[in-house]
C-alpha atoms as a PDB file:
ATOM      1  CA  MET A   1      70.885  86.947 -38.865  1.00  0.00           C
ATOM      2  CA  ASP A   2      70.554  88.690 -35.505  1.00  0.00           C
ATOM      3  CA  ILE A   3      66.776  88.977 -35.928  1.00  0.00           C
ATOM      4  CA  ILE A   4      66.507  85.276 -36.690  1.00  0.00           C
ATOM      5  CA  LYS A   5      68.704  84.285 -33.757  1.00  0.00           C
ATOM      6  CA  LEU A   6      67.120  86.575 -31.195  1.00  0.00           C
ATOM      7  CA  SER A   7      63.502  86.760 -32.343  1.00  0.00           C
ATOM      8  CA  TYR A   8      62.667  83.596 -34.245  1.00  0.00           C
ATOM      9  CA  LEU A   9      64.757  80.567 -33.279  1.00  0.00           C
ATOM     10  CA  THR A  10      63.547  80.849 -29.701  1.00  0.00           C
ATOM     11  CA  LEU A  11      59.955  80.611 -30.979  1.00  0.00           C
ATOM     12  CA  ALA A  12      60.555  77.825 -33.485  1.00  0.00           C
ATOM     13  CA  ILE A  13      62.823  75.583 -31.376  1.00  0.00           C
ATOM     14  CA  ASP A  14      62.356  74.540 -27.775  1.00  0.00           C
ATOM     15  CA  ALA A  15      64.686  76.518 -25.482  1.00  0.00           C
ATOM     16  CA  ASP A  16      66.260  73.404 -23.910  1.00  0.00           C
ATOM     17  CA  ILE A  17      66.934  71.881 -27.312  1.00  0.00           C
ATOM     18  CA  LEU A  18      68.367  75.169 -28.549  1.00  0.00           C
ATOM     19  CA  ASN A  19      70.704  75.439 -25.563  1.00  0.00           C
ATOM     20  CA  GLU A  20      71.939  71.866 -25.930  1.00  0.00           C
ATOM     21  CA  ASN A  21      72.202  72.034 -29.708  1.00  0.00           C
ATOM     22  CA  HIS A  22      75.732  72.322 -31.040  1.00  0.00           C
ATOM     23  CA  ARG A  23      74.809  72.742 -34.702  1.00  0.00           C
ATOM     24  CA  ASN A  24      75.985  75.884 -36.431  1.00  0.00           C
ATOM     25  CA  PHE A  25      73.614  78.623 -37.556  1.00  0.00           C
ATOM     26  CA  LYS A  26      73.154  77.332 -41.120  1.00  0.00           C
ATOM     27  CA  GLN A  27      72.366  73.855 -39.827  1.00  0.00           C
ATOM     28  CA  GLN A  28      69.784  75.283 -37.450  1.00  0.00           C
ATOM     29  CA  LEU A  29      68.155  77.169 -40.318  1.00  0.00           C
ATOM     30  CA  ALA A  30      68.239  74.064 -42.501  1.00  0.00           C
ATOM     31  CA  SER A  31      66.367  72.109 -39.792  1.00  0.00           C
ATOM     32  CA  LEU A  32      63.583  74.686 -40.183  1.00  0.00           C
ATOM     33  CA  ARG A  33      63.808  74.460 -44.003  1.00  0.00           C
ATOM     34  CA  LEU A  34      64.938  78.062 -44.277  1.00  0.00           C
ATOM     35  CA  PHE A  35      68.383  77.218 -45.671  1.00  0.00           C
ATOM     36  CA  ASP A  36      69.608  74.782 -48.336  1.00  0.00           C
ATOM     37  CA  LEU A  37      72.909  73.281 -47.167  1.00  0.00           C
ATOM     38  CA  LYS A  38      73.563  71.522 -50.486  1.00  0.00           C
ATOM     39  CA  HIS A  39      73.549  74.780 -52.454  1.00  0.00           C
ATOM     40  CA  ASP A  40      74.637  76.973 -49.523  1.00  0.00           C
ATOM     41  CA  LYS A  41      71.718  79.346 -50.098  1.00  0.00           C
ATOM     42  CA  PRO A  42      68.517  80.376 -48.311  1.00  0.00           C
ATOM     43  CA  THR A  43      65.345  78.602 -49.418  1.00  0.00           C
ATOM     44  CA  ASN A  44      62.453  80.531 -50.938  1.00  0.00           C
ATOM     45  CA  SER A  45      60.758  80.475 -47.534  1.00  0.00           C
ATOM     46  CA  GLY A  46      63.916  81.842 -45.912  1.00  0.00           C
ATOM     47  CA  ILE A  47      63.994  84.707 -48.427  1.00  0.00           C
ATOM     48  CA  LEU A  48      60.281  85.444 -47.985  1.00  0.00           C
ATOM     49  CA  LEU A  49      60.449  85.475 -44.207  1.00  0.00           C
ATOM     50  CA  PHE A  50      63.785  87.169 -43.551  1.00  0.00           C
ATOM     51  CA  GLY A  51      65.218  88.447 -46.847  1.00  0.00           C
ATOM     52  CA  MET A  52      66.289  92.086 -47.114  1.00  0.00           C
ATOM     53  CA  ASN A  53      64.455  92.445 -50.448  1.00  0.00           C
ATOM     54  CA  PRO A  54      62.272  89.397 -51.242  1.00  0.00           C
ATOM     55  CA  THR A  55      60.674  91.008 -54.313  1.00  0.00           C
ATOM     56  CA  TYR A  56      64.091  90.975 -56.041  1.00  0.00           C
ATOM     57  CA  PHE A  57      63.697  87.190 -56.279  1.00  0.00           C
ATOM     58  CA  LEU A  58      59.919  86.744 -55.969  1.00  0.00           C
ATOM     59  CA  PHE A  59      58.412  89.674 -57.844  1.00  0.00           C
ATOM     60  CA  GLY A  60      54.847  89.381 -56.566  1.00  0.00           C
ATOM     61  CA  ALA A  61      55.741  88.933 -52.886  1.00  0.00           C
ATOM     62  CA  TYR A  62      54.079  92.075 -51.586  1.00  0.00           C
ATOM     63  CA  ILE A  63      50.668  93.464 -50.626  1.00  0.00           C
ATOM     64  CA  GLN A  64      49.013  96.362 -52.445  1.00  0.00           C
ATOM     65  CA  TYR A  65      46.296  98.251 -50.548  1.00  0.00           C
ATOM     66  CA  VAL A  66      43.969 100.673 -52.355  1.00  0.00           C
ATOM     67  CA  LYS A  67      41.141 102.715 -50.798  1.00  0.00           C
ATOM     68  CA  THR A  68      38.569 104.370 -53.018  1.00  0.00           C
ATOM     69  CA  ASN A  69      35.696 106.702 -52.231  1.00  0.00           C
ATOM     70  CA  ASP A  70      33.322 104.716 -54.434  1.00  0.00           C
ATOM     71  CA  ILE A  71      31.662 101.327 -54.734  1.00  0.00           C
ATOM     72  CA  ASP A  72      33.425 100.614 -58.044  1.00  0.00           C
ATOM     73  CA  ARG A  73      37.024 100.540 -59.248  1.00  0.00           C
ATOM     74  CA  ASN A  74      37.154 104.207 -60.143  1.00  0.00           C
ATOM     75  CA  LEU A  75      40.721 105.470 -60.444  1.00  0.00           C
ATOM     76  CA  ASP A  76      39.567 109.060 -59.996  1.00  0.00           C
ATOM     77  CA  LYS A  77      38.101 108.212 -56.582  1.00  0.00           C
ATOM     78  CA  VAL A  78      41.247 106.628 -55.072  1.00  0.00           C
ATOM     79  CA  VAL A  79      41.967 108.375 -51.766  1.00  0.00           C
ATOM     80  CA  ALA A  80      44.796 106.229 -50.359  1.00  0.00           C
ATOM     81  CA  GLU A  81      47.200 103.511 -51.381  1.00  0.00           C
ATOM     82  CA  LYS A  82      50.052 101.690 -49.716  1.00  0.00           C
ATOM     83  CA  SER A  83      52.455  98.892 -50.641  1.00  0.00           C
ATOM     84  CA  PHE A  84      53.720  96.472 -48.008  1.00  0.00           C
ATOM     85  CA  LYS A  85      57.127  95.186 -49.072  1.00  0.00           C
ATOM     86  CA  GLY A  86      59.981  93.506 -47.254  1.00  0.00           C
ATOM     87  CA  ALA A  87      60.542  90.451 -45.087  1.00  0.00           C
ATOM     88  CA  LEU A  88      57.324  88.765 -44.013  1.00  0.00           C
ATOM     89  CA  PHE A  89      58.677  88.701 -40.467  1.00  0.00           C
ATOM     90  CA  ASP A  90      58.134  92.472 -40.486  1.00  0.00           C
ATOM     91  CA  ILE A  91      55.209  92.676 -42.918  1.00  0.00           C
ATOM     92  CA  LEU A  92      53.002  90.393 -40.832  1.00  0.00           C
ATOM     93  CA  ARG A  93      53.216  92.773 -37.897  1.00  0.00           C
ATOM     94  CA  GLU A  94      52.894  95.834 -40.134  1.00  0.00           C
ATOM     95  CA  ILE A  95      49.760  94.643 -41.928  1.00  0.00           C
ATOM     96  CA  ASP A  96      48.216  93.522 -38.640  1.00  0.00           C
ATOM     97  CA  ASN A  97      48.739  96.998 -37.160  1.00  0.00           C
ATOM     98  CA  PHE A  98      47.493  98.652 -40.357  1.00  0.00           C
ATOM     99  CA  ILE A  99      44.235  96.693 -40.234  1.00  0.00           C
ATOM    100  CA  LYS A 100      43.743  97.510 -36.567  1.00  0.00           C
ATOM    101  CA  ASN A 101      44.646 101.201 -36.750  1.00  0.00           C
ATOM    102  CA  ASN A 102      43.847 102.306 -40.311  1.00  0.00           C
ATOM    103  CA  ILE A 103      41.075 100.140 -41.746  1.00  0.00           C
ATOM    104  CA  VAL A 104      38.951  99.216 -38.743  1.00  0.00           C
ATOM    105  CA  ILE A 105      37.130 102.310 -37.412  1.00  0.00           C
ATOM    106  CA  SER A 106      34.777 102.493 -34.437  1.00  0.00           C
ATOM    107  CA  LYS A 107      32.112 105.001 -33.486  1.00  0.00           C
ATOM    108  CA  PRO A 108      29.289 105.349 -30.921  1.00  0.00           C
ATOM    109  CA  VAL A 109      25.705 104.731 -31.976  1.00  0.00           C
ATOM    110  CA  ARG A 110      22.844 105.821 -29.730  1.00  0.00           C
ATOM    111  CA  ILE A 111      20.647 103.005 -28.436  1.00  0.00           C
ATOM    112  CA  PRO A 112      16.992 103.760 -29.304  1.00  0.00           C
ATOM    113  CA  ASP A 113      15.002 105.231 -26.409  1.00  0.00           C
ATOM    114  CA  SER A 114      18.139 105.466 -24.305  1.00  0.00           C
ATOM    115  CA  PHE A 115      20.882 107.882 -23.316  1.00  0.00           C
ATOM    116  CA  GLN A 116      23.499 105.175 -23.794  1.00  0.00           C
ATOM    117  CA  ASP A 117      25.622 104.387 -26.840  1.00  0.00           C
ATOM    118  CA  ASN A 118      26.841 101.195 -28.431  1.00  0.00           C
ATOM    119  CA  ILE A 119      30.292 101.161 -29.996  1.00  0.00           C
ATOM    120  CA  ILE A 120      30.236  99.642 -33.480  1.00  0.00           C
ATOM    121  CA  SER A 121      33.016  99.036 -36.022  1.00  0.00           C
ATOM    122  CA  ASN A 122      32.891  99.208 -39.788  1.00  0.00           C
ATOM    123  CA  TYR A 123      34.634  95.835 -40.052  1.00  0.00           C
ATOM    124  CA  PRO A 124      35.403  93.208 -37.413  1.00  0.00           C
ATOM    125  CA  TYR A 125      39.133  93.216 -36.737  1.00  0.00           C
ATOM    126  CA  PRO A 126      39.449  89.465 -35.945  1.00  0.00           C
ATOM    127  CA  VAL A 127      37.753  88.547 -39.232  1.00  0.00           C
ATOM    128  CA  LEU A 128      39.747  90.918 -41.409  1.00  0.00           C
ATOM    129  CA  ARG A 129      42.983  89.813 -39.763  1.00  0.00           C
ATOM    130  CA  GLU A 130      42.140  86.141 -40.304  1.00  0.00           C
ATOM    131  CA  LEU A 131      41.326  86.677 -43.982  1.00  0.00           C
ATOM    132  CA  MET A 132      44.513  88.660 -44.531  1.00  0.00           C
ATOM    133  CA  MET A 133      46.724  86.061 -42.861  1.00  0.00           C
ATOM    134  CA  ASN A 134      45.055  83.317 -44.898  1.00  0.00           C
ATOM    135  CA  ALA A 135      45.820  85.225 -48.093  1.00  0.00           C
ATOM    136  CA  ILE A 136      49.496  85.588 -47.143  1.00  0.00           C
ATOM    137  CA  MET A 137      49.804  81.946 -46.141  1.00  0.00           C
ATOM    138  CA  HIS A 138      48.005  80.342 -49.097  1.00  0.00           C
ATOM    139  CA  ARG A 139      49.001  82.548 -52.031  1.00  0.00           C
ATOM    140  CA  ASP A 140      51.037  81.281 -54.990  1.00  0.00           C
ATOM    141  CA  TYR A 141      54.406  82.996 -54.670  1.00  0.00           C
ATOM    142  CA  GLU A 142      55.422  81.919 -58.170  1.00  0.00           C
ATOM    143  CA  SER A 143      52.963  84.521 -59.459  1.00  0.00           C
ATOM    144  CA  ASN A 144      54.140  88.057 -60.204  1.00  0.00           C
ATOM    145  CA  THR A 145      50.772  89.422 -59.061  1.00  0.00           C
ATOM    146  CA  PRO A 146      50.712  90.815 -55.506  1.00  0.00           C
ATOM    147  CA  ILE A 147      47.945  90.391 -52.972  1.00  0.00           C
ATOM    148  CA  TYR A 148      45.430  93.174 -53.672  1.00  0.00           C
ATOM    149  CA  VAL A 149      43.328  94.665 -50.876  1.00  0.00           C
ATOM    150  CA  TYR A 150      40.616  97.006 -52.149  1.00  0.00           C
ATOM    151  CA  GLU A 151      38.622  99.053 -49.644  1.00  0.00           C
ATOM    152  CA  PHE A 152      35.435 100.404 -51.209  1.00  0.00           C
ATOM    153  CA  LEU A 153      32.694 102.426 -49.542  1.00  0.00           C
ATOM    154  CA  ASP A 154      30.595  99.323 -48.919  1.00  0.00           C
ATOM    155  CA  ARG A 155      33.038  96.398 -48.806  1.00  0.00           C
ATOM    156  CA  ILE A 156      36.596  95.112 -48.743  1.00  0.00           C
ATOM    157  CA  GLU A 157      37.912  92.726 -51.370  1.00  0.00           C
ATOM    158  CA  ILE A 158      41.084  90.648 -51.011  1.00  0.00           C
ATOM    159  CA  HIS A 159      42.433  89.161 -54.240  1.00  0.00           C
ATOM    160  CA  ASN A 160      45.107  86.518 -54.160  1.00  0.00           C
ATOM    161  CA  ALA A 161      47.154  84.580 -56.704  1.00  0.00           C
ATOM    162  CA  GLY A 162      46.584  80.838 -56.501  1.00  0.00           C
ATOM    163  CA  GLY A 163      43.311  78.939 -56.524  1.00  0.00           C
ATOM    164  CA  LEU A 164      42.256  76.036 -54.329  1.00  0.00           C
ATOM    165  CA  TYR A 165      45.171  73.701 -53.682  1.00  0.00           C
ATOM    166  CA  GLY A 166      45.749  69.988 -53.276  1.00  0.00           C
ATOM    167  CA  GLU A 167      42.732  67.986 -52.142  1.00  0.00           C
ATOM    168  CA  VAL A 168      40.645  71.142 -51.633  1.00  0.00           C
ATOM    169  CA  ASN A 169      37.878  71.682 -54.206  1.00  0.00           C
ATOM    170  CA  ARG A 170      34.577  73.555 -54.561  1.00  0.00           C
ATOM    171  CA  GLU A 171      32.644  70.752 -52.903  1.00  0.00           C
ATOM    172  CA  ASN A 172      34.729  70.385 -49.715  1.00  0.00           C
ATOM    173  CA  PHE A 173      35.812  74.019 -49.204  1.00  0.00           C
ATOM    174  CA  PRO A 174      36.227  75.245 -46.456  1.00  0.00           C
ATOM    175  CA  ASN A 175      36.046  71.987 -44.487  1.00  0.00           C
ATOM    176  CA  LYS A 176      39.154  70.575 -46.157  1.00  0.00           C
ATOM    177  CA  ASN A 177      42.554  72.221 -45.976  1.00  0.00           C
ATOM    178  CA  ALA A 178      45.888  71.835 -47.763  1.00  0.00           C
ATOM    179  CA  TYR A 179      49.036  73.931 -47.454  1.00  0.00           C
ATOM    180  CA  ARG A 180      50.609  75.238 -50.618  1.00  0.00           C
ATOM    181  CA  ASN A 181      53.383  76.765 -48.483  1.00  0.00           C
ATOM    182  CA  PRO A 182      53.889  74.456 -45.471  1.00  0.00           C
ATOM    183  CA  VAL A 183      57.153  76.058 -44.330  1.00  0.00           C
ATOM    184  CA  LEU A 184      55.592  79.494 -44.390  1.00  0.00           C
ATOM    185  CA  ALA A 185      52.520  78.169 -42.576  1.00  0.00           C
ATOM    186  CA  GLU A 186      54.700  76.689 -39.842  1.00  0.00           C
ATOM    187  CA  ALA A 187      56.579  79.972 -39.447  1.00  0.00           C
ATOM    188  CA  MET A 188      53.340  81.966 -39.189  1.00  0.00           C
ATOM    189  CA  LYS A 189      52.143  79.523 -36.529  1.00  0.00           C
ATOM    190  CA  ASN A 190      55.380  79.994 -34.580  1.00  0.00           C
ATOM    191  CA  LEU A 191      54.863  83.764 -34.789  1.00  0.00           C
ATOM    192  CA  LYS A 192      51.265  83.387 -33.460  1.00  0.00           C
ATOM    193  CA  TYR A 193      49.529  84.715 -36.592  1.00  0.00           C
ATOM    194  CA  ILE A 194      47.710  81.461 -37.388  1.00  0.00           C
ATOM    195  CA  ASN A 195      46.885  78.260 -35.512  1.00  0.00           C
ATOM    196  CA  ARG A 196      46.833  75.618 -38.315  1.00  0.00           C
ATOM    197  CA  PHE A 197      43.689  74.009 -36.902  1.00  0.00           C
ATOM    198  CA  ASN A 198      41.715  74.570 -40.131  1.00  0.00           C
ATOM    199  CA  PHE A 199      39.296  76.736 -38.144  1.00  0.00           C
ATOM    200  CA  GLY A 200      39.968  79.988 -40.040  1.00  0.00           C
ATOM    201  CA  ILE A 201      37.088  80.228 -42.533  1.00  0.00           C
ATOM    202  CA  PRO A 202      34.511  78.554 -40.239  1.00  0.00           C
ATOM    203  CA  PHE A 203      35.534  81.054 -37.532  1.00  0.00           C
ATOM    204  CA  VAL A 204      35.095  83.951 -39.979  1.00  0.00           C
ATOM    205  CA  GLN A 205      31.598  82.904 -41.016  1.00  0.00           C
ATOM    206  CA  LYS A 206      30.501  82.095 -37.461  1.00  0.00           C
ATOM    207  CA  TYR A 207      31.750  85.467 -36.170  1.00  0.00           C
ATOM    208  CA  LEU A 208      30.047  87.380 -38.970  1.00  0.00           C
ATOM    209  CA  GLY A 209      26.765  85.526 -38.575  1.00  0.00           C
ATOM    210  CA  GLU A 210      26.652  85.978 -34.806  1.00  0.00           C
ATOM    211  CA  ASN A 211      27.416  89.704 -34.973  1.00  0.00           C
ATOM    212  CA  GLY A 212      24.955  90.843 -37.616  1.00  0.00           C
ATOM    213  CA  PHE A 213      27.313  90.972 -40.601  1.00  0.00           C
ATOM    214  CA  THR A 214      26.729  89.508 -44.047  1.00  0.00           C
ATOM    215  CA  LEU A 215      28.683  86.280 -44.509  1.00  0.00           C
ATOM    216  CA  ALA A 216      31.910  86.568 -46.482  1.00  0.00           C
ATOM    217  CA  ARG A 217      31.708  85.564 -50.133  1.00  0.00           C
ATOM    218  CA  PHE A 218      34.490  83.556 -51.738  1.00  0.00           C
ATOM    219  CA  ASP A 219      35.334  83.260 -55.404  1.00  0.00           C
ATOM    220  CA  PHE A 220      37.999  80.905 -56.743  1.00  0.00           C
ATOM    221  CA  SER A 221      39.158  79.923 -60.170  1.00  0.00           C
ATOM    222  CA  SER A 222      42.034  77.766 -61.389  1.00  0.00           C
ATOM    223  CA  ASN A 223      44.662  80.375 -60.569  1.00  0.00           C
ATOM    224  CA  SER A 224      43.093  82.994 -58.278  1.00  0.00           C
ATOM    225  CA  PHE A 225      41.156  83.373 -55.044  1.00  0.00           C
ATOM    226  CA  SER A 226      39.200  86.303 -53.683  1.00  0.00           C
ATOM    227  CA  VAL A 227      37.019  87.140 -50.706  1.00  0.00           C
ATOM    228  CA  ASN A 228      34.399  89.875 -50.392  1.00  0.00           C
ATOM    229  CA  LEU A 229      33.604  91.290 -46.934  1.00  0.00           C
ATOM    230  CA  ASN A 230      30.663  93.686 -46.646  1.00  0.00           C
ATOM    231  CA  ILE A 231      30.764  96.668 -44.307  1.00  0.00           C
ATOM    232  CA  ASN A 232      28.743  96.546 -41.093  1.00  0.00           C
ATOM    233  CA  PRO A 233      25.076  97.195 -42.099  1.00  0.00           C
ATOM    234  CA  LEU A 234      24.655  99.365 -38.994  1.00  0.00           C
ATOM    235  CA  TRP A 235      27.557 101.518 -40.174  1.00  0.00           C
ATOM    236  CA  GLN A 236      25.852 102.232 -43.489  1.00  0.00           C
ATOM    237  CA  SER A 237      22.534 103.051 -41.832  1.00  0.00           C
ATOM    238  CA  GLU A 238      24.101 105.827 -39.785  1.00  0.00           C
END
């Protein structure tokens, strides 16, 4: 409750309104659709965002990261794995830091016919962060399957429960958007992890194309969604 009061309400509700508001704490949460006053219980979004143990109620509400020293799913070549469990309020920051500090690696590459170096990265941090936040926001939390992040020698794959949603289909993706989890999307916007402008996938492809990366490849079926991000071609050539 202290985390919500001190770290979230001030982001979700205008300060002047919050100061003048005489509603009690449960009523404030209910206005953000994080609490159900009729049943006197947190909503699913409230549990996901701030629950002490969300997976007790929503079994697949976690992220499983696996790194393998191979280009295939070879169990014998797994070199690292990590599960991200807990309140999304904390997990969002944790996975963001993990991408920045553990997945994305930079190194100098000598410019031909020069004594200067260029700094290149194996994966672009803004792109990987955007794809990860999209997976968290759009996944089907009724599924018991977690979000899987596989890091292979040549690519990263993100697999997510829940296919295209609402008015979105194969023909209009990614120009059309629909929110399976609107309360969660609003919370992630308040926390500055997304912008809700429907610019995410176009931004990803534009960034990759302009910086010499292969465009991301998307695969979706009736109940799943995945994205494949190739490693920097300059990284492999070194």
